[in-house]
Amino acid sequence: MIARRLGSTPYQRGSRQEFSCPDIFELADGRFAVIGTDMTAELSAHLPPDAGVADYERIVVITRDTMLHAKRDIPDA
């Protein structure tokens, strides 16, 4: 279950299409969920040698603005 949004809503960040923008959520179990653009095909070949993407994983890109707005809500521990 989603416990809370991290950072501002897409609308607060300037999006006029609030339902189709990057977002970051903290889940009830402490994990994080990210809504972003799937860039797996474009970025997989550029990962460092010690990184990889499993069949069930995706490389998701969010805007810098989304991450900076979420920064204040990301717990230290």
PDB file of N, CA and C in Angstrom:
ATOM      1  N   MET A   1       0.820  -1.189   0.000  1.00  0.00           N
ATOM      2  CA  MET A   1       0.000   0.000   0.000  1.00  0.00           C
ATOM      3  C   MET A   1       0.869   1.261   0.000  1.00  0.00           C
ATOM      4  N   ILE A   2       0.393   2.287  -0.617  1.00  0.00           N
ATOM      5  CA  ILE A   2       1.100   3.565  -0.654  1.00  0.00           C
ATOM      6  C   ILE A   2       0.839   4.303   0.655  1.00  0.00           C
ATOM      7  N   ALA A   3       1.918   4.661   1.340  1.00  0.00           N
ATOM      8  CA  ALA A   3       1.803   5.373   2.609  1.00  0.00           C
ATOM      9  C   ALA A   3       1.755   6.886   2.399  1.00  0.00           C
ATOM     10  N   ARG A   4       2.596   7.383   1.461  1.00  0.00           N
ATOM     11  CA  ARG A   4       2.614   8.833   1.243  1.00  0.00           C
ATOM     12  C   ARG A   4       3.391   9.186  -0.011  1.00  0.00           C
ATOM     13  N   ARG A   5       3.125  10.357  -0.521  1.00  0.00           N
ATOM     14  CA  ARG A   5       3.883  10.916  -1.649  1.00  0.00           C
ATOM     15  C   ARG A   5       5.114  11.605  -1.080  1.00  0.00           C
ATOM     16  N   LEU A   6       6.222  11.524  -1.790  1.00  0.00           N
ATOM     17  CA  LEU A   6       7.409  12.274  -1.431  1.00  0.00           C
ATOM     18  C   LEU A   6       7.487  13.496  -2.336  1.00  0.00           C
ATOM     19  N   GLY A   7       7.556  14.651  -1.741  1.00  0.00           N
ATOM     20  CA  GLY A   7       7.644  15.880  -2.521  1.00  0.00           C
ATOM     21  C   GLY A   7       6.285  16.422  -2.901  1.00  0.00           C
ATOM     22  N   SER A   8       6.312  17.336  -3.832  1.00  0.00           N
ATOM     23  CA  SER A   8       5.122  18.039  -4.287  1.00  0.00           C
ATOM     24  C   SER A   8       4.342  17.200  -5.291  1.00  0.00           C
ATOM     25  N   THR A   9       3.075  17.540  -5.455  1.00  0.00           N
ATOM     26  CA  THR A   9       2.277  16.882  -6.490  1.00  0.00           C
ATOM     27  C   THR A   9       2.775  17.361  -7.856  1.00  0.00           C
ATOM     28  N   PRO A  10       2.526  16.593  -8.907  1.00  0.00           N
ATOM     29  CA  PRO A  10       2.905  17.070 -10.239  1.00  0.00           C
ATOM     30  C   PRO A  10       2.322  18.453 -10.544  1.00  0.00           C
ATOM     31  N   TYR A  11       1.084  18.689 -10.129  1.00  0.00           N
ATOM     32  CA  TYR A  11       0.449  19.990 -10.369  1.00  0.00           C
ATOM     33  C   TYR A  11       1.232  21.112  -9.677  1.00  0.00           C
ATOM     34  N   GLN A  12       1.672  20.866  -8.446  1.00  0.00           N
ATOM     35  CA  GLN A  12       2.454  21.865  -7.717  1.00  0.00           C
ATOM     36  C   GLN A  12       3.810  22.123  -8.380  1.00  0.00           C
ATOM     37  N   ARG A  13       4.309  21.141  -9.124  1.00  0.00           N
ATOM     38  CA  ARG A  13       5.584  21.305  -9.828  1.00  0.00           C
ATOM     39  C   ARG A  13       5.397  21.908 -11.211  1.00  0.00           C
ATOM     40  N   GLY A  14       4.164  22.280 -11.556  1.00  0.00           N
ATOM     41  CA  GLY A  14       3.926  22.962 -12.818  1.00  0.00           C
ATOM     42  C   GLY A  14       3.254  22.150 -13.898  1.00  0.00           C
ATOM     43  N   SER A  15       2.943  20.889 -13.621  1.00  0.00           N
ATOM     44  CA  SER A  15       2.271  20.063 -14.621  1.00  0.00           C
ATOM     45  C   SER A  15       0.792  20.407 -14.664  1.00  0.00           C
ATOM     46  N   ARG A  16       0.268  20.486 -15.828  1.00  0.00           N
ATOM     47  CA  ARG A  16      -1.171  20.710 -15.987  1.00  0.00           C
ATOM     48  C   ARG A  16      -1.873  19.402 -16.303  1.00  0.00           C
ATOM     49  N   GLN A  17      -1.112  18.317 -16.413  1.00  0.00           N
ATOM     50  CA  GLN A  17      -1.667  16.976 -16.607  1.00  0.00           C
ATOM     51  C   GLN A  17      -1.244  16.122 -15.420  1.00  0.00           C
ATOM     52  N   GLU A  18      -1.790  16.414 -14.277  1.00  0.00           N
ATOM     53  CA  GLU A  18      -1.359  15.843 -12.997  1.00  0.00           C
ATOM     54  C   GLU A  18      -1.318  14.316 -12.982  1.00  0.00           C
ATOM     55  N   PHE A  19      -2.134  13.672 -13.768  1.00  0.00           N
ATOM     56  CA  PHE A  19      -2.226  12.216 -13.738  1.00  0.00           C
ATOM     57  C   PHE A  19      -1.197  11.523 -14.617  1.00  0.00           C
ATOM     58  N   SER A  20      -0.323  12.258 -15.291  1.00  0.00           N
ATOM     59  CA  SER A  20       0.630  11.606 -16.200  1.00  0.00           C
ATOM     60  C   SER A  20       2.038  12.170 -16.049  1.00  0.00           C
ATOM     61  N   CYS A  21       2.466  12.362 -14.814  1.00  0.00           N
ATOM     62  CA  CYS A  21       3.781  12.940 -14.567  1.00  0.00           C
ATOM     63  C   CYS A  21       4.568  12.077 -13.592  1.00  0.00           C
ATOM     64  N   PRO A  22       5.906  12.252 -13.578  1.00  0.00           N
ATOM     65  CA  PRO A  22       6.731  11.498 -12.635  1.00  0.00           C
ATOM     66  C   PRO A  22       6.289  11.741 -11.192  1.00  0.00           C
ATOM     67  N   ASP A  23       6.464  10.727 -10.363  1.00  0.00           N
ATOM     68  CA  ASP A  23       6.082  10.837  -8.960  1.00  0.00           C
ATOM     69  C   ASP A  23       6.862   9.811  -8.155  1.00  0.00           C
ATOM     70  N   ILE A  24       7.003  10.063  -6.851  1.00  0.00           N
ATOM     71  CA  ILE A  24       7.707   9.148  -5.948  1.00  0.00           C
ATOM     72  C   ILE A  24       6.823   8.933  -4.724  1.00  0.00           C
ATOM     73  N   PHE A  25       6.678   7.666  -4.331  1.00  0.00           N
ATOM     74  CA  PHE A  25       5.851   7.322  -3.182  1.00  0.00           C
ATOM     75  C   PHE A  25       6.614   6.418  -2.230  1.00  0.00           C
ATOM     76  N   GLU A  26       6.358   6.579  -0.934  1.00  0.00           N
ATOM     77  CA  GLU A  26       6.864   5.642   0.058  1.00  0.00           C
ATOM     78  C   GLU A  26       5.764   4.628   0.320  1.00  0.00           C
ATOM     79  N   LEU A  27       6.137   3.356   0.326  1.00  0.00           N
ATOM     80  CA  LEU A  27       5.180   2.291   0.576  1.00  0.00           C
ATOM     81  C   LEU A  27       5.116   1.991   2.072  1.00  0.00           C
ATOM     82  N   ALA A  28       4.057   1.362   2.490  1.00  0.00           N
ATOM     83  CA  ALA A  28       3.849   1.055   3.904  1.00  0.00           C
ATOM     84  C   ALA A  28       4.974   0.201   4.485  1.00  0.00           C
ATOM     85  N   ASP A  29       5.617  -0.614   3.654  1.00  0.00           N
ATOM     86  CA  ASP A  29       6.694  -1.481   4.150  1.00  0.00           C
ATOM     87  C   ASP A  29       8.068  -0.821   4.084  1.00  0.00           C
ATOM     88  N   GLY A  30       8.130   0.489   3.734  1.00  0.00           N
ATOM     89  CA  GLY A  30       9.393   1.215   3.710  1.00  0.00           C
ATOM     90  C   GLY A  30      10.064   1.280   2.350  1.00  0.00           C
ATOM     91  N   ARG A  31       9.600   0.505   1.388  1.00  0.00           N
ATOM     92  CA  ARG A  31      10.155   0.592   0.037  1.00  0.00           C
ATOM     93  C   ARG A  31       9.611   1.841  -0.649  1.00  0.00           C
ATOM     94  N   PHE A  32      10.151   2.136  -1.836  1.00  0.00           N
ATOM     95  CA  PHE A  32       9.712   3.292  -2.596  1.00  0.00           C
ATOM     96  C   PHE A  32       9.226   2.860  -3.975  1.00  0.00           C
ATOM     97  N   ALA A  33       8.205   3.537  -4.463  1.00  0.00           N
ATOM     98  CA  ALA A  33       7.676   3.299  -5.802  1.00  0.00           C
ATOM     99  C   ALA A  33       7.871   4.581  -6.612  1.00  0.00           C
ATOM    100  N   VAL A  34       8.302   4.420  -7.860  1.00  0.00           N
ATOM    101  CA  VAL A  34       8.587   5.564  -8.719  1.00  0.00           C
ATOM    102  C   VAL A  34       7.767   5.440  -9.998  1.00  0.00           C
ATOM    103  N   ILE A  35       7.086   6.524 -10.348  1.00  0.00           N
ATOM    104  CA  ILE A  35       6.408   6.613 -11.644  1.00  0.00           C
ATOM    105  C   ILE A  35       7.305   7.471 -12.525  1.00  0.00           C
ATOM    106  N   GLY A  36       7.741   6.906 -13.623  1.00  0.00           N
ATOM    107  CA  GLY A  36       8.617   7.633 -14.532  1.00  0.00           C
ATOM    108  C   GLY A  36       8.584   7.010 -15.913  1.00  0.00           C
ATOM    109  N   THR A  37       9.487   7.456 -16.737  1.00  0.00           N
ATOM    110  CA  THR A  37       9.578   6.978 -18.113  1.00  0.00           C
ATOM    111  C   THR A  37      10.486   5.757 -18.173  1.00  0.00           C
ATOM    112  N   ASP A  38       9.999   4.673 -18.751  1.00  0.00           N
ATOM    113  CA  ASP A  38      10.800   3.453 -18.905  1.00  0.00           C
ATOM    114  C   ASP A  38      11.888   3.708 -19.944  1.00  0.00           C
ATOM    115  N   MET A  39      13.133   3.731 -19.498  1.00  0.00           N
ATOM    116  CA  MET A  39      14.281   3.973 -20.376  1.00  0.00           C
ATOM    117  C   MET A  39      15.222   2.768 -20.397  1.00  0.00           C
ATOM    118  N   THR A  40      14.706   1.604 -20.051  1.00  0.00           N
ATOM    119  CA  THR A  40      15.528   0.400 -19.957  1.00  0.00           C
ATOM    120  C   THR A  40      16.267   0.114 -21.253  1.00  0.00           C
ATOM    121  N   ALA A  41      15.577   0.126 -22.364  1.00  0.00           N
ATOM    122  CA  ALA A  41      16.207  -0.201 -23.647  1.00  0.00           C
ATOM    123  C   ALA A  41      17.323   0.783 -23.992  1.00  0.00           C
ATOM    124  N   GLU A  42      17.120   2.047 -23.676  1.00  0.00           N
ATOM    125  CA  GLU A  42      18.092   3.072 -24.033  1.00  0.00           C
ATOM    126  C   GLU A  42      19.301   3.101 -23.100  1.00  0.00           C
ATOM    127  N   LEU A  43      19.126   2.719 -21.829  1.00  0.00           N
ATOM    128  CA  LEU A  43      20.201   2.895 -20.849  1.00  0.00           C
ATOM    129  C   LEU A  43      20.892   1.610 -20.397  1.00  0.00           C
ATOM    130  N   SER A  44      20.312   0.459 -20.644  1.00  0.00           N
ATOM    131  CA  SER A  44      20.899  -0.801 -20.158  1.00  0.00           C
ATOM    132  C   SER A  44      22.344  -0.989 -20.594  1.00  0.00           C
ATOM    133  N   ALA A  45      22.640  -0.688 -21.824  1.00  0.00           N
ATOM    134  CA  ALA A  45      24.001  -0.882 -22.350  1.00  0.00           C
ATOM    135  C   ALA A  45      25.011   0.090 -21.751  1.00  0.00           C
ATOM    136  N   HIS A  46      24.541   1.121 -21.082  1.00  0.00           N
ATOM    137  CA  HIS A  46      25.425   2.145 -20.526  1.00  0.00           C
ATOM    138  C   HIS A  46      25.632   2.014 -19.025  1.00  0.00           C
ATOM    139  N   LEU A  47      25.064   0.974 -18.424  1.00  0.00           N
ATOM    140  CA  LEU A  47      25.242   0.762 -16.990  1.00  0.00           C
ATOM    141  C   LEU A  47      26.688   0.384 -16.695  1.00  0.00           C
ATOM    142  N   PRO A  48      27.180   0.707 -15.503  1.00  0.00           N
ATOM    143  CA  PRO A  48      28.534   0.268 -15.130  1.00  0.00           C
ATOM    144  C   PRO A  48      28.586  -1.258 -15.055  1.00  0.00           C
ATOM    145  N   PRO A  49      29.781  -1.837 -15.139  1.00  0.00           N
ATOM    146  CA  PRO A  49      29.925  -3.295 -15.156  1.00  0.00           C
ATOM    147  C   PRO A  49      29.317  -4.003 -13.949  1.00  0.00           C
ATOM    148  N   ASP A  50      29.223  -3.326 -12.816  1.00  0.00           N
ATOM    149  CA  ASP A  50      28.705  -3.975 -11.609  1.00  0.00           C
ATOM    150  C   ASP A  50      27.209  -3.731 -11.399  1.00  0.00           C
ATOM    151  N   ALA A  51      26.503  -3.288 -12.443  1.00  0.00           N
ATOM    152  CA  ALA A  51      25.058  -3.057 -12.366  1.00  0.00           C
ATOM    153  C   ALA A  51      24.357  -3.850 -13.455  1.00  0.00           C
ATOM    154  N   GLY A  52      23.128  -4.212 -13.188  1.00  0.00           N
ATOM    155  CA  GLY A  52      22.357  -4.950 -14.183  1.00  0.00           C
ATOM    156  C   GLY A  52      20.877  -4.793 -13.938  1.00  0.00           C
ATOM    157  N   VAL A  53      20.088  -5.209 -14.919  1.00  0.00           N
ATOM    158  CA  VAL A  53      18.632  -5.109 -14.838  1.00  0.00           C
ATOM    159  C   VAL A  53      18.053  -6.505 -15.030  1.00  0.00           C
ATOM    160  N   ALA A  54      17.374  -6.993 -14.006  1.00  0.00           N
ATOM    161  CA  ALA A  54      16.741  -8.309 -14.099  1.00  0.00           C
ATOM    162  C   ALA A  54      15.536  -8.228 -15.038  1.00  0.00           C
ATOM    163  N   ASP A  55      15.053  -9.381 -15.472  1.00  0.00           N
ATOM    164  CA  ASP A  55      13.899  -9.431 -16.369  1.00  0.00           C
ATOM    165  C   ASP A  55      12.669  -8.731 -15.801  1.00  0.00           C
ATOM    166  N   TYR A  56      12.542  -8.718 -14.492  1.00  0.00           N
ATOM    167  CA  TYR A  56      11.377  -8.112 -13.843  1.00  0.00           C
ATOM    168  C   TYR A  56      11.631  -6.657 -13.408  1.00  0.00           C
ATOM    169  N   GLU A  57      12.779  -6.091 -13.765  1.00  0.00           N
ATOM    170  CA  GLU A  57      13.132  -4.715 -13.393  1.00  0.00           C
ATOM    171  C   GLU A  57      13.142  -3.808 -14.613  1.00  0.00           C
ATOM    172  N   ARG A  58      13.027  -2.513 -14.370  1.00  0.00           N
ATOM    173  CA  ARG A  58      13.101  -1.499 -15.412  1.00  0.00           C
ATOM    174  C   ARG A  58      13.916  -0.325 -14.903  1.00  0.00           C
ATOM    175  N   ILE A  59      14.634   0.323 -15.796  1.00  0.00           N
ATOM    176  CA  ILE A  59      15.289   1.587 -15.474  1.00  0.00           C
ATOM    177  C   ILE A  59      14.258   2.673 -15.731  1.00  0.00           C
ATOM    178  N   VAL A  60      13.904   3.390 -14.677  1.00  0.00           N
ATOM    179  CA  VAL A  60      12.876   4.415 -14.775  1.00  0.00           C
ATOM    180  C   VAL A  60      13.523   5.781 -14.558  1.00  0.00           C
ATOM    181  N   VAL A  61      13.216   6.710 -15.434  1.00  0.00           N
ATOM    182  CA  VAL A  61      13.776   8.059 -15.356  1.00  0.00           C
ATOM    183  C   VAL A  61      12.696   9.027 -14.888  1.00  0.00           C
ATOM    184  N   ILE A  62      13.070   9.875 -13.924  1.00  0.00           N
ATOM    185  CA  ILE A  62      12.203  10.955 -13.477  1.00  0.00           C
ATOM    186  C   ILE A  62      12.949  12.267 -13.678  1.00  0.00           C
ATOM    187  N   THR A  63      12.233  13.345 -13.662  1.00  0.00           N
ATOM    188  CA  THR A  63      12.877  14.638 -13.855  1.00  0.00           C
ATOM    189  C   THR A  63      13.682  15.027 -12.619  1.00  0.00           C
ATOM    190  N   ARG A  64      14.666  15.863 -12.819  1.00  0.00           N
ATOM    191  CA  ARG A  64      15.460  16.386 -11.709  1.00  0.00           C
ATOM    192  C   ARG A  64      14.550  17.118 -10.723  1.00  0.00           C
ATOM    193  N   ASP A  65      13.612  17.882 -11.252  1.00  0.00           N
ATOM    194  CA  ASP A  65      12.688  18.648 -10.423  1.00  0.00           C
ATOM    195  C   ASP A  65      11.894  17.729  -9.498  1.00  0.00           C
ATOM    196  N   THR A  66      11.460  16.584 -10.011  1.00  0.00           N
ATOM    197  CA  THR A  66      10.713  15.628  -9.197  1.00  0.00           C
ATOM    198  C   THR A  66      11.562  15.153  -8.019  1.00  0.00           C
ATOM    199  N   MET A  67      12.816  14.794  -8.288  1.00  0.00           N
ATOM    200  CA  MET A  67      13.702  14.302  -7.227  1.00  0.00           C
ATOM    201  C   MET A  67      14.028  15.398  -6.225  1.00  0.00           C
ATOM    202  N   LEU A  68      14.288  16.601  -6.702  1.00  0.00           N
ATOM    203  CA  LEU A  68      14.631  17.689  -5.786  1.00  0.00           C
ATOM    204  C   LEU A  68      13.458  18.039  -4.877  1.00  0.00           C
ATOM    205  N   HIS A  69      12.247  17.992  -5.392  1.00  0.00           N
ATOM    206  CA  HIS A  69      11.072  18.250  -4.552  1.00  0.00           C
ATOM    207  C   HIS A  69      10.868  17.134  -3.537  1.00  0.00           C
ATOM    208  N   ALA A  70      11.253  15.919  -3.877  1.00  0.00           N
ATOM    209  CA  ALA A  70      11.085  14.777  -2.966  1.00  0.00           C
ATOM    210  C   ALA A  70      12.173  14.725  -1.904  1.00  0.00           C
ATOM    211  N   LYS A  71      13.301  15.355  -2.169  1.00  0.00           N
ATOM    212  CA  LYS A  71      14.462  15.266  -1.281  1.00  0.00           C
ATOM    213  C   LYS A  71      14.121  15.559   0.175  1.00  0.00           C
ATOM    214  N   ARG A  72      13.317  16.562   0.421  1.00  0.00           N
ATOM    215  CA  ARG A  72      12.991  16.952   1.792  1.00  0.00           C
ATOM    216  C   ARG A  72      12.198  15.872   2.533  1.00  0.00           C
ATOM    217  N   ASP A  73      11.527  15.004   1.799  1.00  0.00           N
ATOM    218  CA  ASP A  73      10.692  13.964   2.397  1.00  0.00           C
ATOM    219  C   ASP A  73      11.375  12.602   2.485  1.00  0.00           C
ATOM    220  N   ILE A  74      12.566  12.472   1.941  1.00  0.00           N
ATOM    221  CA  ILE A  74      13.274  11.191   1.971  1.00  0.00           C
ATOM    222  C   ILE A  74      13.936  11.034   3.333  1.00  0.00           C
ATOM    223  N   PRO A  75      13.582   9.976   4.053  1.00  0.00           N
ATOM    224  CA  PRO A  75      14.142   9.802   5.395  1.00  0.00           C
ATOM    225  C   PRO A  75      15.655   9.512   5.356  1.00  0.00           C
ATOM    226  N   ASP A  76      16.357   9.907   6.415  1.00  0.00           N
ATOM    227  CA  ASP A  76      17.792   9.650   6.518  1.00  0.00           C
ATOM    228  C   ASP A  76      18.078   8.186   6.834  1.00  0.00           C
ATOM    229  N   ALA A  77      17.151   7.531   7.469  1.00  0.00           N
ATOM    230  CA  ALA A  77      17.366   6.121   7.815  1.00  0.00           C
ATOM    231  C   ALA A  77      16.073   5.340   7.675  1.00  0.00           C
TER     232      ALA A  77
END
